[in-house]
Amino acid sequence: MDGLILINKDRDWTSRDVCNVVQKIHGTKKVGHTGTLDPFAEGLLLVTINKANKIGQFLDDFTKTYVATLKLGVKTNTGDLTGEVIETIEIPNIKKEDVEKVIKTFLGDIEQIPPMTSAIHYKGRKLYEYFYEGVEVERPSRKVHIYSINLLDFKDDTIVFEVEVSKGTYIRILGEDIATKLNTVGHLTRLIRTKIGPYDIKNSINLKELTNQFITYTIDETLSFLDTFVVEEKMTKKVKDGLSLTIPNIKGELVYIKSENDEPLAIYKRKENDLFVCKRGIW
């Protein structure tokens, strides 16, 4: 069975923990995921099964939507409730309209410095490995994009907001920056991912509900955001060998190739004009 499973990840699970359980239930080692969720975060995780593992990279650039809960007045060394408190300051008199005004300043392109708790590599090691050794390394800022941000609730010292962001955006950093603009500090106490591109948490299931016969979307359904080109069966081997193809009337840079017998074959990328070359085989 090949395809995509939308899992609603529980708190205190790593994304890898989820994959390990799916491996046991589906009886396959070929299980991956896109868009890692930190253990303290909850919500939508895209899990790929068998041949669908080969298309995970094409799902990674989708925008992502989160609901975040930000506690003001207390800063931790991780930016969330799992870390140690490193600063506590008095919260100024903040009104709801102040919060609404501040969060709207983050719309569009913004710069972020990745947290030391991230999995970004530095000199062959992940940043969080340095963090747990008590070592801080210099990280260059990166440009990310905030597509929308809305205040859902504000009471006492707690802000709840919903935000849609580009790949690579750290919501814990966004939370800290919002607190800074409100002349205080803060950390996330809850983070729920509700959407990844066209995929919605409403269509996800909990691991306890998963059976070995369940997938949410087939490969065809998962790649429905791409143009599809069907080749004759006699061309199947040539596609698997990486033969370049001339394909007219394709609008995007990528095209999904399958056989007339509905076998998923590859994703091709435009080289020039109507000439496409193999980007990733999925047989």
Protein backbone atom coordinates (compact mmCIF):
# COMPACT_ATOMS: atom_id res chain seq x y z
CA MET A 1 0.00 0.00 0.00
CA ASP A 2 1.44 3.34 -1.11
CA GLY A 3 0.27 6.80 -0.20
CA LEU A 4 -0.07 9.59 2.31
CA ILE A 5 -1.49 9.43 5.82
CA LEU A 6 -2.57 12.57 7.68
CA ILE A 7 -1.75 12.01 11.34
CA ASN A 8 -2.87 14.22 14.21
CA LYS A 9 0.26 14.03 16.35
CA ASP A 10 -0.12 14.10 20.11
CA ARG A 11 1.99 16.23 22.42
CA ASP A 12 5.28 14.74 23.71
CA TRP A 13 5.75 12.56 20.62
CA THR A 14 8.57 13.14 18.17
CA SER A 15 7.78 13.00 14.47
CA ARG A 16 10.04 9.94 14.29
CA ASP A 17 8.03 8.26 17.07
CA VAL A 18 4.95 8.58 14.87
CA CYS A 19 6.75 7.00 11.90
CA ASN A 20 7.94 4.11 14.08
CA VAL A 21 4.36 3.30 15.08
CA VAL A 22 3.16 3.55 11.46
CA GLN A 23 5.97 1.16 10.45
CA LYS A 24 4.72 -1.45 12.90
CA ILE A 25 1.05 -1.05 11.97
CA HIS A 26 1.66 -1.14 8.21
CA GLY A 27 4.42 -3.71 8.41
CA THR A 28 6.95 -1.73 6.39
CA LYS A 29 10.17 0.14 7.09
CA LYS A 30 9.47 2.52 4.21
CA VAL A 31 7.80 5.27 6.24
CA GLY A 32 8.77 8.95 6.30
CA HIS A 33 7.32 12.34 7.05
CA THR A 34 7.50 15.92 5.86
CA GLY A 35 7.45 19.04 8.01
CA THR A 36 8.87 17.97 11.38
CA LEU A 37 6.88 18.85 14.49
CA ASP A 38 8.73 19.39 17.77
CA PRO A 39 7.72 17.04 20.61
CA PHE A 40 5.80 19.76 22.46
CA ALA A 41 3.83 20.64 19.30
CA GLU A 42 0.63 18.94 18.23
CA GLY A 43 -1.34 18.57 15.06
CA LEU A 44 -0.98 17.73 11.42
CA LEU A 45 1.91 15.54 10.27
CA LEU A 46 2.17 14.21 6.71
CA VAL A 47 3.37 10.60 6.79
CA THR A 48 4.41 8.87 3.55
CA ILE A 49 4.19 5.11 3.01
CA ASN A 50 6.31 2.95 0.68
CA LYS A 51 6.58 4.50 -2.83
CA ALA A 52 5.11 7.76 -1.51
CA ASN A 53 8.36 8.25 0.43
CA LYS A 54 9.87 9.33 -2.87
CA ILE A 55 7.48 12.26 -3.26
CA GLY A 56 7.80 13.71 0.24
CA GLN A 57 10.27 16.36 -0.93
CA PHE A 58 7.62 17.81 -3.25
CA LEU A 59 5.24 18.39 -0.34
CA ASP A 60 7.74 20.22 1.83
CA ASP A 61 7.33 23.67 0.26
CA PHE A 62 3.64 24.05 1.09
CA THR A 63 2.62 26.84 3.43
CA LYS A 64 1.81 25.77 6.98
CA THR A 65 -0.84 27.09 9.37
CA TYR A 66 -0.55 27.03 13.16
CA VAL A 67 -2.50 28.07 16.23
CA ALA A 68 -0.04 29.24 18.88
CA THR A 69 -0.50 30.13 22.55
CA LEU A 70 2.00 32.71 23.80
CA LYS A 71 2.52 33.39 27.50
CA LEU A 72 3.91 36.85 28.21
CA GLY A 73 6.29 37.89 30.95
CA VAL A 74 8.39 34.72 31.04
CA LYS A 75 11.24 33.77 28.67
CA THR A 76 12.70 30.26 28.40
CA ASN A 77 15.91 29.07 26.79
CA THR A 78 13.95 27.05 24.20
CA GLY A 79 11.18 29.54 23.45
CA ASP A 80 8.57 27.06 24.68
CA LEU A 81 7.33 25.51 27.91
CA THR A 82 9.88 22.66 27.81
CA GLY A 83 12.81 24.98 28.49
CA GLU A 84 14.29 26.58 31.58
CA VAL A 85 13.08 30.00 32.63
CA ILE A 86 15.86 32.51 31.94
CA GLU A 87 14.02 35.80 32.37
CA THR A 88 10.89 37.08 34.07
CA ILE A 89 9.73 40.66 33.72
CA GLU A 90 6.60 42.60 34.53
CA ILE A 91 4.05 42.79 31.75
CA PRO A 92 3.12 46.35 30.77
CA ASN A 93 -0.48 47.46 30.45
CA ILE A 94 -1.42 45.86 27.12
CA LYS A 95 -4.79 46.16 25.45
CA LYS A 96 -6.30 43.89 22.82
CA GLU A 97 -5.92 46.54 20.14
CA ASP A 98 -2.21 46.82 21.03
CA VAL A 99 -1.78 43.11 20.37
CA GLU A 100 -3.71 43.25 17.11
CA LYS A 101 -1.63 46.16 15.90
CA VAL A 102 1.68 44.49 16.78
CA ILE A 103 0.99 41.11 15.22
CA LYS A 104 0.00 42.73 11.92
CA THR A 105 3.50 44.25 11.68
CA PHE A 106 4.81 40.74 11.00
CA LEU A 107 2.88 40.29 7.76
CA GLY A 108 5.03 39.74 4.67
CA ASP A 109 8.76 39.03 4.55
CA ILE A 110 10.54 38.99 7.90
CA GLU A 111 14.01 37.96 9.09
CA GLN A 112 14.47 35.20 11.66
CA ILE A 113 17.53 33.77 13.38
CA PRO A 114 16.98 29.98 13.71
CA PRO A 115 16.86 28.80 17.34
CA MET A 116 19.66 26.74 18.82
CA THR A 117 17.10 23.98 19.39
CA SER A 118 16.55 23.51 15.64
CA ALA A 119 17.81 20.63 13.49
CA ILE A 120 19.73 22.90 11.09
CA HIS A 121 23.25 21.61 10.44
CA TYR A 122 26.34 23.56 11.44
CA LYS A 123 29.78 22.07 10.74
CA GLY A 124 28.35 18.58 10.35
CA ARG A 125 26.22 18.62 13.48
CA LYS A 126 22.67 19.69 14.28
CA LEU A 127 22.22 22.90 16.22
CA TYR A 128 20.32 21.22 19.03
CA GLU A 129 23.33 18.98 19.68
CA TYR A 130 25.37 22.11 20.46
CA PHE A 131 22.47 23.47 22.53
CA TYR A 132 22.36 20.44 24.83
CA GLU A 133 26.12 20.77 25.32
CA GLY A 134 25.64 24.38 26.40
CA VAL A 135 27.37 25.75 23.30
CA GLU A 136 25.89 28.58 21.26
CA VAL A 137 27.03 29.12 17.68
CA GLU A 138 26.45 32.06 15.38
CA ARG A 139 23.49 31.61 13.03
CA PRO A 140 22.78 33.87 10.07
CA SER A 141 19.27 35.26 9.79
CA ARG A 142 16.94 33.85 7.15
CA LYS A 143 14.06 35.44 5.26
CA VAL A 144 10.67 33.84 5.76
CA HIS A 145 7.17 34.95 4.83
CA ILE A 146 4.05 35.46 6.94
CA TYR A 147 0.98 35.12 4.71
CA SER A 148 -1.61 35.82 7.38
CA ILE A 149 -1.72 36.32 11.14
CA ASN A 150 -4.81 36.82 13.27
CA LEU A 151 -5.48 37.28 16.94
CA LEU A 152 -7.85 34.62 18.27
CA ASP A 153 -7.81 35.48 21.97
CA PHE A 154 -6.07 37.73 24.48
CA LYS A 155 -6.61 37.48 28.22
CA ASP A 156 -4.36 38.52 31.09
CA ASP A 157 -0.88 37.30 30.11
CA THR A 158 -1.83 34.96 27.25
CA ILE A 159 -2.15 35.54 23.49
CA VAL A 160 -3.62 32.99 21.10
CA PHE A 161 -2.98 33.64 17.42
CA GLU A 162 -3.33 31.83 14.10
CA VAL A 163 -0.62 32.21 11.48
CA GLU A 164 0.06 30.92 7.96
CA VAL A 165 3.76 30.83 7.12
CA SER A 166 6.33 29.77 4.54
CA LYS A 167 8.65 26.81 4.86
CA GLY A 168 11.37 27.36 7.45
CA THR A 169 9.44 29.71 9.75
CA TYR A 170 9.93 29.14 13.48
CA ILE A 171 6.76 29.96 15.40
CA ARG A 172 8.57 30.03 18.74
CA ILE A 173 10.84 32.79 17.38
CA LEU A 174 7.80 34.62 16.05
CA GLY A 175 6.22 34.40 19.49
CA GLU A 176 9.32 35.81 21.16
CA ASP A 177 9.47 38.64 18.63
CA ILE A 178 5.80 39.49 19.20
CA ALA A 179 6.47 39.67 22.95
CA THR A 180 9.49 41.90 22.37
CA LYS A 181 7.41 44.35 20.33
CA LEU A 182 4.94 44.43 23.22
CA ASN A 183 7.85 45.48 25.49
CA THR A 184 8.01 42.20 27.36
CA VAL A 185 9.22 38.61 26.87
CA GLY A 186 7.32 35.42 26.20
CA HIS A 187 7.32 31.75 25.30
CA LEU A 188 4.93 29.31 23.63
CA THR A 189 2.86 27.08 25.89
CA ARG A 190 1.04 25.33 23.07
CA LEU A 191 1.46 24.94 19.30
CA ILE A 192 -0.97 23.16 16.98
CA ARG A 193 -0.39 22.75 13.24
CA THR A 194 -3.76 22.80 11.50
CA LYS A 195 -2.91 22.92 7.79
CA ILE A 196 -0.13 22.04 5.36
CA GLY A 197 -0.94 23.40 1.90
CA PRO A 198 -4.20 21.72 0.81
CA TYR A 199 -4.15 19.27 3.72
CA ASP A 200 -6.31 20.02 6.78
CA ILE A 201 -6.19 18.58 10.28
CA LYS A 202 -9.93 17.93 9.92
CA ASN A 203 -9.04 15.01 7.63
CA SER A 204 -6.37 13.55 9.92
CA ILE A 205 -6.58 10.62 12.32
CA ASN A 206 -4.97 9.76 15.64
CA LEU A 207 -2.48 6.89 15.73
CA LYS A 208 -4.92 4.92 17.89
CA GLU A 209 -7.35 4.89 14.96
CA LEU A 210 -4.82 3.75 12.35
CA THR A 211 -5.11 0.30 10.75
CA ASN A 212 -2.81 -1.46 8.30
CA GLN A 213 -5.32 -0.93 5.50
CA PHE A 214 -5.68 2.82 5.93
CA ILE A 215 -4.19 5.61 3.86
CA THR A 216 -5.67 9.09 3.51
CA TYR A 217 -4.59 9.75 -0.08
CA THR A 218 -3.15 7.63 -2.89
CA ILE A 219 -0.07 8.86 -4.77
CA ASP A 220 -2.36 10.07 -7.58
CA GLU A 221 -4.46 12.03 -5.11
CA THR A 222 -1.41 13.38 -3.29
CA LEU A 223 0.11 14.69 -6.52
CA SER A 224 -3.13 16.18 -7.83
CA PHE A 225 -1.62 19.66 -7.45
CA LEU A 226 0.71 18.82 -10.38
CA ASP A 227 -0.10 18.42 -14.07
CA THR A 228 -0.25 14.73 -15.01
CA PHE A 229 1.13 13.15 -18.17
CA VAL A 230 0.25 9.54 -19.07
CA VAL A 231 2.72 7.52 -21.15
CA GLU A 232 2.00 4.37 -23.17
CA GLU A 233 2.98 1.12 -21.51
CA LYS A 234 5.85 0.61 -24.00
CA MET A 235 7.38 3.85 -22.67
CA THR A 236 7.37 2.73 -19.03
CA LYS A 237 10.86 1.25 -19.05
CA LYS A 238 12.28 4.28 -20.85
CA VAL A 239 10.84 6.59 -18.23
CA LYS A 240 12.32 4.40 -15.50
CA ASP A 241 15.66 4.66 -17.29
CA GLY A 242 15.40 8.46 -17.06
CA LEU A 243 14.56 9.27 -20.67
CA SER A 244 13.90 12.97 -21.30
CA LEU A 245 10.39 13.74 -22.56
CA THR A 246 8.86 16.45 -24.69
CA ILE A 247 5.55 17.38 -23.05
CA PRO A 248 3.46 20.25 -24.42
CA ASN A 249 0.87 22.34 -22.58
CA ILE A 250 2.38 22.04 -19.10
CA LYS A 251 2.10 25.26 -17.10
CA GLY A 252 4.28 24.46 -14.10
CA GLU A 253 7.90 23.44 -13.73
CA LEU A 254 7.03 19.94 -12.55
CA VAL A 255 4.85 17.20 -14.06
CA TYR A 256 3.72 13.85 -12.65
CA ILE A 257 4.33 10.92 -15.02
CA LYS A 258 2.35 7.69 -14.81
CA SER A 259 1.65 4.75 -17.11
CA GLU A 260 -1.62 4.04 -18.86
CA ASN A 261 -2.02 1.22 -16.31
CA ASP A 262 -1.95 3.86 -13.52
CA GLU A 263 1.52 2.94 -12.27
CA PRO A 264 3.25 5.96 -10.70
CA LEU A 265 6.53 6.42 -12.58
CA ALA A 266 8.27 9.72 -11.90
CA ILE A 267 8.18 13.44 -11.40
CA TYR A 268 9.83 15.36 -14.22
CA LYS A 269 11.20 18.90 -14.16
CA ARG A 270 11.22 21.35 -17.03
CA LYS A 271 14.67 21.79 -18.57
CA GLU A 272 13.72 24.21 -21.33
CA ASN A 273 10.54 25.00 -23.25
CA ASP A 274 8.62 21.69 -23.54
CA LEU A 275 11.60 19.46 -22.70
CA PHE A 276 11.39 17.74 -19.28
CA VAL A 277 13.96 15.61 -17.46
CA CYS A 278 13.52 13.11 -14.65
CA LYS A 279 13.62 14.73 -11.20
CA ARG A 280 12.59 11.72 -9.09
CA GLY A 281 11.56 8.19 -9.92
CA ILE A 282 8.67 6.80 -7.84
CA TRP A 283 8.31 3.24 -9.13
